[in-house]
Amino acid sequence: MTHPCPSCGMPIESGPYCTHCVDDTGQLQDFDTRFERMVGWARRENPALTREQAERDTLAYMASLPAWQDHPRVRAAG
C-alpha cells in the first residue's frame, strides 16, 4: 500500500519520505534544497514557466504538504 510523501506528494511504499526528499543519511533535506529541486522539476516539466512563476507555484504546492505547510517561507507566500 502506498501513501504520499509528506514532503513532495510522490507515492511511496515505506518510510517517512521518498528517496528524492532525503539526504545521504536518510534525513529530510533542508527547505532550500527541496525548494530548489522542486522549482527545477517544475521548469523541466514546463519550460515556458519563468523562474518567478515556478517559485510561486512551488510555494503554493508546498503549502499543501505536511512537511512544509508551517515553514516560514511557505506561510509568508500564502
Protein backbone atom coordinates (compact mmCIF):
# COMPACT_ATOMS: atom_id res chain seq x y z
CA MET A 1 0.00 0.00 0.00
CA THR A 2 1.36 3.42 -0.90
CA HIS A 3 1.00 6.77 0.77
CA PRO A 4 2.07 10.25 -0.36
CA CYS A 5 5.43 11.61 0.67
CA PRO A 6 4.68 14.47 3.10
CA SER A 7 7.50 16.48 1.51
CA CYS A 8 6.68 16.23 -2.21
CA GLY A 9 3.47 14.21 -2.58
CA MET A 10 5.06 11.40 -4.56
CA PRO A 11 3.65 7.94 -3.78
CA ILE A 12 5.89 5.86 -1.51
CA GLU A 13 5.55 2.40 -0.05
CA SER A 14 7.56 2.73 3.14
CA GLY A 15 9.45 5.20 5.24
CA PRO A 16 8.53 8.70 6.21
CA TYR A 17 9.82 10.35 2.99
CA CYS A 18 10.61 9.33 -0.59
CA THR A 19 14.18 8.90 -1.80
CA HIS A 20 14.03 12.25 -3.63
CA CYS A 21 13.43 14.15 -0.38
CA VAL A 22 16.09 12.72 1.90
CA ASP A 23 19.81 13.34 2.17
CA ASP A 24 22.55 10.72 2.30
CA THR A 25 21.78 9.98 5.95
CA GLY A 26 18.06 9.43 5.34
CA GLN A 27 17.03 12.74 6.91
CA LEU A 28 14.63 15.14 5.24
CA GLN A 29 16.51 17.63 3.06
CA ASP A 30 16.51 21.22 4.25
CA PHE A 31 13.87 23.56 2.87
CA ASP A 32 16.17 25.40 0.45
CA THR A 33 17.43 22.19 -1.14
CA ARG A 34 13.96 20.73 -1.54
CA PHE A 35 12.55 24.04 -2.82
CA GLU A 36 15.27 24.41 -5.48
CA ARG A 37 14.80 20.84 -6.65
CA MET A 38 11.03 21.25 -6.89
CA VAL A 39 11.39 24.54 -8.78
CA GLY A 40 13.83 22.84 -11.17
CA TRP A 41 11.41 19.96 -11.72
CA ALA A 42 8.56 22.38 -12.45
CA ARG A 43 10.66 24.20 -15.04
CA ARG A 44 11.76 20.96 -16.69
CA GLU A 45 8.13 19.83 -16.89
CA ASN A 46 7.03 23.20 -18.30
CA PRO A 47 9.95 25.07 -19.92
CA ALA A 48 7.68 28.05 -20.62
CA LEU A 49 7.46 28.80 -16.88
CA THR A 50 9.50 31.73 -15.70
CA ARG A 51 11.62 31.23 -12.61
CA GLU A 52 9.30 33.55 -10.68
CA GLN A 53 6.16 31.64 -11.67
CA ALA A 54 7.80 28.30 -10.87
CA GLU A 55 8.73 29.63 -7.43
CA ARG A 56 5.19 30.90 -6.79
CA ASP A 57 3.67 27.61 -7.96
CA THR A 58 6.12 25.59 -5.88
CA LEU A 59 5.43 27.59 -2.72
CA ALA A 60 1.69 27.19 -3.27
CA TYR A 61 2.11 23.44 -3.72
CA MET A 62 4.39 23.17 -0.68
CA ALA A 63 1.65 24.84 1.39
CA SER A 64 -0.44 21.70 0.85
CA LEU A 65 2.30 19.34 2.08
CA PRO A 66 2.56 18.41 5.77
CA ALA A 67 6.37 18.69 5.83
CA TRP A 68 6.35 22.32 4.67
CA GLN A 69 2.96 23.90 5.35
CA ASP A 70 4.21 25.63 8.52
CA HIS A 71 7.61 26.67 7.14
CA PRO A 72 8.05 30.48 7.41
CA ARG A 73 8.74 30.96 3.67
CA VAL A 74 5.66 28.95 2.72
CA ARG A 75 3.48 30.82 5.21
CA ALA A 76 4.84 34.20 4.07
CA ALA A 77 3.92 33.39 0.46
CA GLY A 78 0.36 32.44 1.40
